[in-house]
Protein backbone atom coordinates (compact mmCIF):
# COMPACT_ATOMS: atom_id res chain seq x y z
CA MET A 1 57.64 150.36 89.60
CA ASP A 2 53.79 150.13 87.51
CA ALA A 3 51.78 147.18 88.59
CA ILE A 4 49.41 145.47 85.52
CA THR A 5 46.19 145.23 87.82
CA ILE A 6 44.74 141.38 87.45
CA LYS A 7 41.16 141.12 88.11
CA THR A 8 40.63 136.52 87.23
CA VAL A 9 42.77 133.89 87.41
CA GLU A 10 42.91 133.28 83.48
CA GLN A 11 44.25 136.86 82.83
CA PHE A 12 46.85 135.90 85.70
CA ILE A 13 48.20 133.04 82.96
CA VAL A 14 47.43 135.51 79.74
CA GLN A 15 49.49 138.02 80.91
CA ILE A 16 52.97 136.55 82.64
CA ARG A 17 53.03 134.41 79.41
CA ALA A 18 53.29 137.47 77.17
CA ASP A 19 55.10 139.22 79.96
CA SER A 20 57.81 136.62 80.38
CA ALA A 21 57.51 135.19 77.20
CA GLU A 22 61.39 135.62 76.22
CA TRP A 23 62.83 134.28 79.97
CA PRO A 24 64.20 131.61 80.61
CA HIS A 25 62.55 130.53 84.01
CA LYS A 26 60.16 132.63 85.33
CA TRP A 27 59.63 132.97 89.64
CA PHE A 28 56.78 133.84 91.98
CA ARG A 29 56.27 135.63 95.12
CA GLY A 30 53.03 136.05 96.17
CA GLU A 31 52.11 139.11 99.12
CA PRO A 32 48.90 139.30 100.54
CA ALA A 33 49.48 143.39 101.36
CA GLY A 34 50.62 145.42 98.68
CA ASP A 35 52.99 147.41 100.88
CA THR A 36 55.31 144.43 102.10
CA PRO A 37 59.22 145.92 100.70
CA LEU A 38 61.18 143.28 98.36
CA VAL A 39 63.77 142.68 100.78
CA PRO A 40 64.07 139.99 103.46
CA LYS A 41 62.46 139.10 106.96
CA LEU A 42 65.28 139.83 108.65
CA TYR A 43 66.15 144.15 106.96
CA ARG A 44 62.02 144.31 107.52
CA LEU A 45 63.17 146.47 110.66
CA PRO A 46 60.41 144.86 114.22
CA PRO A 47 57.53 147.63 115.37
CA ASP A 48 60.45 147.82 118.46
CA GLY A 49 62.70 148.72 115.98
CA ARG A 50 65.72 147.07 117.50
CA THR A 51 68.27 145.09 114.23
CA ARG A 52 68.63 141.48 114.31
CA ASN A 53 71.53 139.95 114.66
CA GLU A 54 71.44 137.73 111.83
CA ASN A 55 74.81 134.98 112.67
CA THR A 56 73.78 134.27 116.50
CA LEU A 57 69.81 133.29 115.31
CA LEU A 58 71.44 130.90 112.10
CA GLN A 59 74.58 129.90 115.45
CA LEU A 60 71.81 129.10 117.94
CA PHE A 61 69.11 127.04 115.84
CA ARG A 62 71.74 125.61 114.89
CA MET A 63 72.49 124.53 117.95
CA ARG A 64 69.14 123.68 119.13
CA ALA A 65 67.20 122.33 116.14
CA PRO A 66 68.47 118.20 116.72
CA THR A 67 66.07 118.02 119.21
CA PHE A 68 63.36 119.62 117.85
CA SER A 69 63.07 117.90 114.46
CA THR A 70 61.87 114.33 114.13
CA ARG A 71 63.82 114.33 110.73
CA PRO A 72 67.29 113.92 110.82
CA CYS A 73 69.17 118.09 110.33
CA PRO A 74 72.03 118.87 107.51
CA ASP A 75 75.69 117.99 108.65
CA ARG A 76 77.22 120.71 110.92
CA GLY A 77 78.93 122.30 107.35
CA ALA A 78 75.90 122.10 105.48
CA ILE A 79 75.54 125.78 106.03
CA ASP A 80 73.07 126.59 102.62
CA GLN A 81 71.20 123.74 103.64
CA TRP A 82 70.69 124.63 107.20
CA LEU A 83 69.59 128.32 105.55
CA PHE A 84 66.59 126.66 103.44
CA LEU A 85 65.87 124.97 107.27
CA ALA A 86 66.03 128.16 109.50
CA GLN A 87 64.10 130.54 105.88
CA HIS A 88 61.56 127.15 106.33
CA TYR A 89 60.93 127.53 109.48
CA GLY A 90 60.53 131.23 109.45
CA LEU A 91 64.14 132.45 111.32
CA PRO A 92 64.26 135.62 109.43
CA THR A 93 67.16 134.82 107.27
CA ARG A 94 68.68 136.72 103.83
CA LEU A 95 66.87 134.90 101.89
CA LEU A 96 62.98 136.01 100.56
CA ASP A 97 60.83 133.18 99.46
CA TRP A 98 60.41 132.51 95.94
CA THR A 99 58.00 129.81 93.84
CA GLU A 100 58.99 127.97 90.41
CA SER A 101 55.08 127.48 89.91
CA ALA A 102 53.07 130.70 89.24
CA LEU A 103 49.32 129.74 90.79
CA VAL A 104 51.22 129.23 93.79
CA GLY A 105 52.59 132.27 93.96
CA LEU A 106 48.91 133.94 93.47
CA TYR A 107 47.67 131.66 96.49
CA PHE A 108 50.01 132.77 98.67
CA ALA A 109 48.64 136.42 98.02
CA LEU A 110 45.05 135.55 98.04
CA GLU A 111 45.58 133.40 101.46
CA SER A 112 44.79 135.50 104.17
CA LYS A 113 43.21 139.12 103.53
CA PRO A 114 45.56 142.08 104.64
CA GLU A 115 44.10 144.47 107.42
CA ASN A 116 44.09 147.47 105.21
CA PRO A 117 41.80 147.37 101.94
CA LYS A 118 45.99 147.52 99.46
CA PRO A 119 45.75 145.41 96.71
CA HIS A 120 47.65 142.07 96.54
CA VAL A 121 50.56 141.72 94.40
CA VAL A 122 52.34 139.34 92.93
CA TRP A 123 55.74 139.01 92.15
CA MET A 124 57.89 137.66 88.81
CA LEU A 125 61.24 137.17 88.48
CA ASN A 126 63.56 136.90 85.10
CA PRO A 127 66.05 134.87 87.95
CA THR A 128 68.88 134.34 85.33
CA ALA A 129 69.18 137.80 84.50
CA LEU A 130 69.19 138.68 87.44
CA ASN A 131 72.13 136.34 88.28
CA GLN A 132 74.12 138.05 85.13
CA LEU A 133 73.72 141.32 87.27
CA SER A 134 75.71 139.89 89.30
CA VAL A 135 78.45 138.12 87.14
CA SER A 136 78.18 141.45 84.34
CA GLN A 137 80.02 143.26 87.58
CA GLY A 138 83.39 141.03 87.44
CA HIS A 139 81.69 137.55 89.00
CA VAL A 140 81.48 133.51 87.42
CA LEU A 141 78.81 132.06 87.68
CA THR A 142 79.17 128.52 88.56
CA GLY A 143 76.13 126.64 88.11
CA ALA A 144 73.28 124.19 85.46
CA GLU A 145 71.35 126.56 83.64
CA GLY A 146 72.37 130.05 85.44
CA PHE A 147 71.82 128.92 88.96
CA PRO A 148 74.95 128.46 90.98
CA LEU A 149 75.88 125.36 93.02
CA THR A 150 75.34 126.66 96.34
CA TRP A 151 77.76 124.05 98.61
CA VAL A 152 80.58 124.38 95.42
CA ASP A 153 83.54 126.53 96.44
CA PRO A 154 85.75 127.23 93.22
CA ARG A 155 88.18 129.15 94.24
CA PRO A 156 90.77 130.27 93.27
CA THR A 157 91.14 129.60 90.49
CA ALA A 158 86.58 130.89 90.60
CA THR A 159 83.82 132.76 92.65
CA ASN A 160 80.57 130.82 93.38
CA ILE A 161 78.26 134.40 93.59
CA GLY A 162 75.44 131.91 95.51
CA PHE A 163 78.14 130.46 97.37
CA ILE A 164 79.43 133.76 98.49
CA ASN A 165 76.54 135.38 100.01
CA ILE A 166 75.42 132.17 101.21
CA CYS A 167 79.04 132.10 103.66
CA GLY A 168 77.65 135.89 104.18
CA ALA A 169 75.50 134.83 106.47
CA TRP A 170 77.41 132.52 108.42
CA GLU A 171 80.56 135.52 107.90
CA ASN A 172 79.01 138.82 109.68
CA ASP A 173 78.88 139.82 105.24
CA THR A 174 82.62 139.53 105.19
CA GLN A 175 81.64 137.72 101.34
CA GLY A 176 79.00 138.13 98.98
CA VAL A 177 78.66 140.39 95.68
CA SER A 178 76.71 143.29 95.89
CA LEU A 179 73.32 142.40 94.68
CA PRO A 180 71.05 139.34 95.12
CA VAL A 181 71.68 136.26 93.70
CA ALA A 182 69.13 133.45 93.04
CA VAL A 183 69.52 129.69 93.66
CA GLN A 184 67.78 126.58 93.64
CA SER A 185 67.59 125.25 96.76
CA THR A 186 67.82 121.53 98.68
CA ASN A 187 64.02 120.22 99.50
CA ILE A 188 64.82 119.45 102.90
CA ASP A 189 61.58 118.96 103.44
CA PRO A 190 58.35 118.02 101.73
CA ARG A 191 56.60 121.41 101.28
CA MET A 192 59.09 122.92 100.03
CA SER A 193 58.76 119.68 96.65
CA ALA A 194 54.42 120.88 97.33
CA GLN A 195 55.59 125.15 97.19
CA ARG A 196 58.54 124.07 94.30
CA SER A 197 60.85 126.44 96.61
CA CYS A 198 63.31 128.54 95.51
CA PHE A 199 64.82 131.56 97.03
CA THR A 200 66.52 134.71 96.32
CA ALA A 201 70.39 135.20 98.68
CA GLN A 202 70.60 139.38 99.86
CA GLY A 203 73.93 140.78 99.18
CA ARG A 204 76.46 142.92 100.93
CA ASP A 205 73.84 145.75 99.60
CA LYS A 206 70.21 145.27 102.18
CA SER A 207 67.97 147.28 100.04
CA SER A 208 64.72 146.36 98.36
CA LEU A 209 65.19 143.80 94.71
CA ALA A 210 62.85 146.54 93.17
CA VAL A 211 65.41 148.94 93.47
CA ARG A 212 68.71 147.22 92.86
CA ALA A 213 67.38 145.50 90.43
CA PRO A 214 64.25 146.68 88.48
CA GLN A 215 63.51 145.55 85.13
CA THR A 216 64.30 141.46 86.26
CA LEU A 217 60.81 141.80 87.12
CA LYS A 218 57.42 142.44 86.84
CA ARG A 219 54.68 142.75 89.59
CA TYR A 220 50.95 142.47 89.67
CA GLU A 221 48.14 143.86 91.86
CA ILE A 222 44.71 142.22 92.80
CA GLU A 223 41.95 143.93 94.95
CA PRO A 224 40.60 142.82 97.60
CA ASN A 225 37.24 142.49 95.96
CA ASP A 226 38.44 140.12 93.37
CA ARG A 227 40.30 137.57 96.33
CA LEU A 228 37.24 134.81 96.80
CA GLN A 229 35.97 134.54 93.60
CA MET A 230 40.03 134.11 92.38
CA GLN A 231 40.31 131.13 95.75
CA ASN A 232 37.52 128.86 94.20
CA ASP A 233 39.07 129.37 91.36
CA LEU A 234 42.56 128.25 91.93
CA ARG A 235 40.75 126.03 94.08
CA LEU A 236 38.68 124.38 90.55
CA LEU A 237 42.47 124.09 88.96
CA GLY A 238 43.87 122.12 92.14
CA VAL A 239 45.55 124.80 94.27
CA GLY A 240 44.50 124.83 97.82
CA HIS A 241 45.74 124.73 101.39
CA SER A 242 46.60 120.99 101.54
CA THR A 243 48.23 121.39 98.38
CA VAL A 244 51.22 123.86 99.45
CA TYR A 245 51.02 122.08 102.89
CA PRO A 246 51.01 118.43 102.47
CA ASP A 247 50.44 117.09 105.85
CA LEU A 248 47.55 117.01 108.25
CA THR A 249 46.94 121.17 109.49
CA GLY A 250 47.31 121.57 105.97
CA LEU A 251 44.24 119.61 105.76
CA ALA A 252 42.69 120.46 108.23
CA LYS A 253 42.53 123.84 107.64
CA GLU A 254 41.64 123.54 104.08
CA LEU A 255 38.47 121.91 105.29
CA GLU A 256 37.74 124.57 107.71
CA ASP A 257 37.85 126.88 105.26
CA LEU A 258 36.20 124.99 102.58
CA TYR A 259 32.72 123.90 105.45
């Protein structure tokens, strides 16, 4: 996929506005290293080459999380909320993180310096176009504004593509459509609200979204030499570590970086 090189925050805003003028919604994902595949962490092989058992991870997380959490956990049957919670705290799942905020996406791309000299990357996704691809394959989209409600199961009268992709995580892929589905999440943690979190839920095909649905994506690259100036400009616009991590840890990290 061809990439557009970005040198400044101003150029980034102008470019994404032009590229998405006809899109009703835009989601963003920042990657510090340009060679990171556009697939969920669950499907990226760790250094030892072992595959991960998604269902085992989720069941154990749901069993043990209540004693570790300072907030009430979701009801046992709220499998979509449990999946969002597990992903948010770093468990490998079939979810891929996105944000509705262009500047938050850019912040995540620039947050850390890559170990190699490859550029930072921001992906822009047309989520409604992605979901329409699944609808065109004979499935039904239920929900508001083109996004399925992940807790609604209308069967047998219809198939909710978001619900069955979520179910696939708990049922060893016995359900689900082929493509990832763009879903809006229940904000079960303050960080999710601050980060304007949303997700794509991988379907039965585990290949990269950039391979399966490149027509729904734009890719922007930032060279490492431009990182610090763009970070300073983001801070000027009110986007810093404490913005996306609105807690004491986020504040401490932001102060460390500044002073």
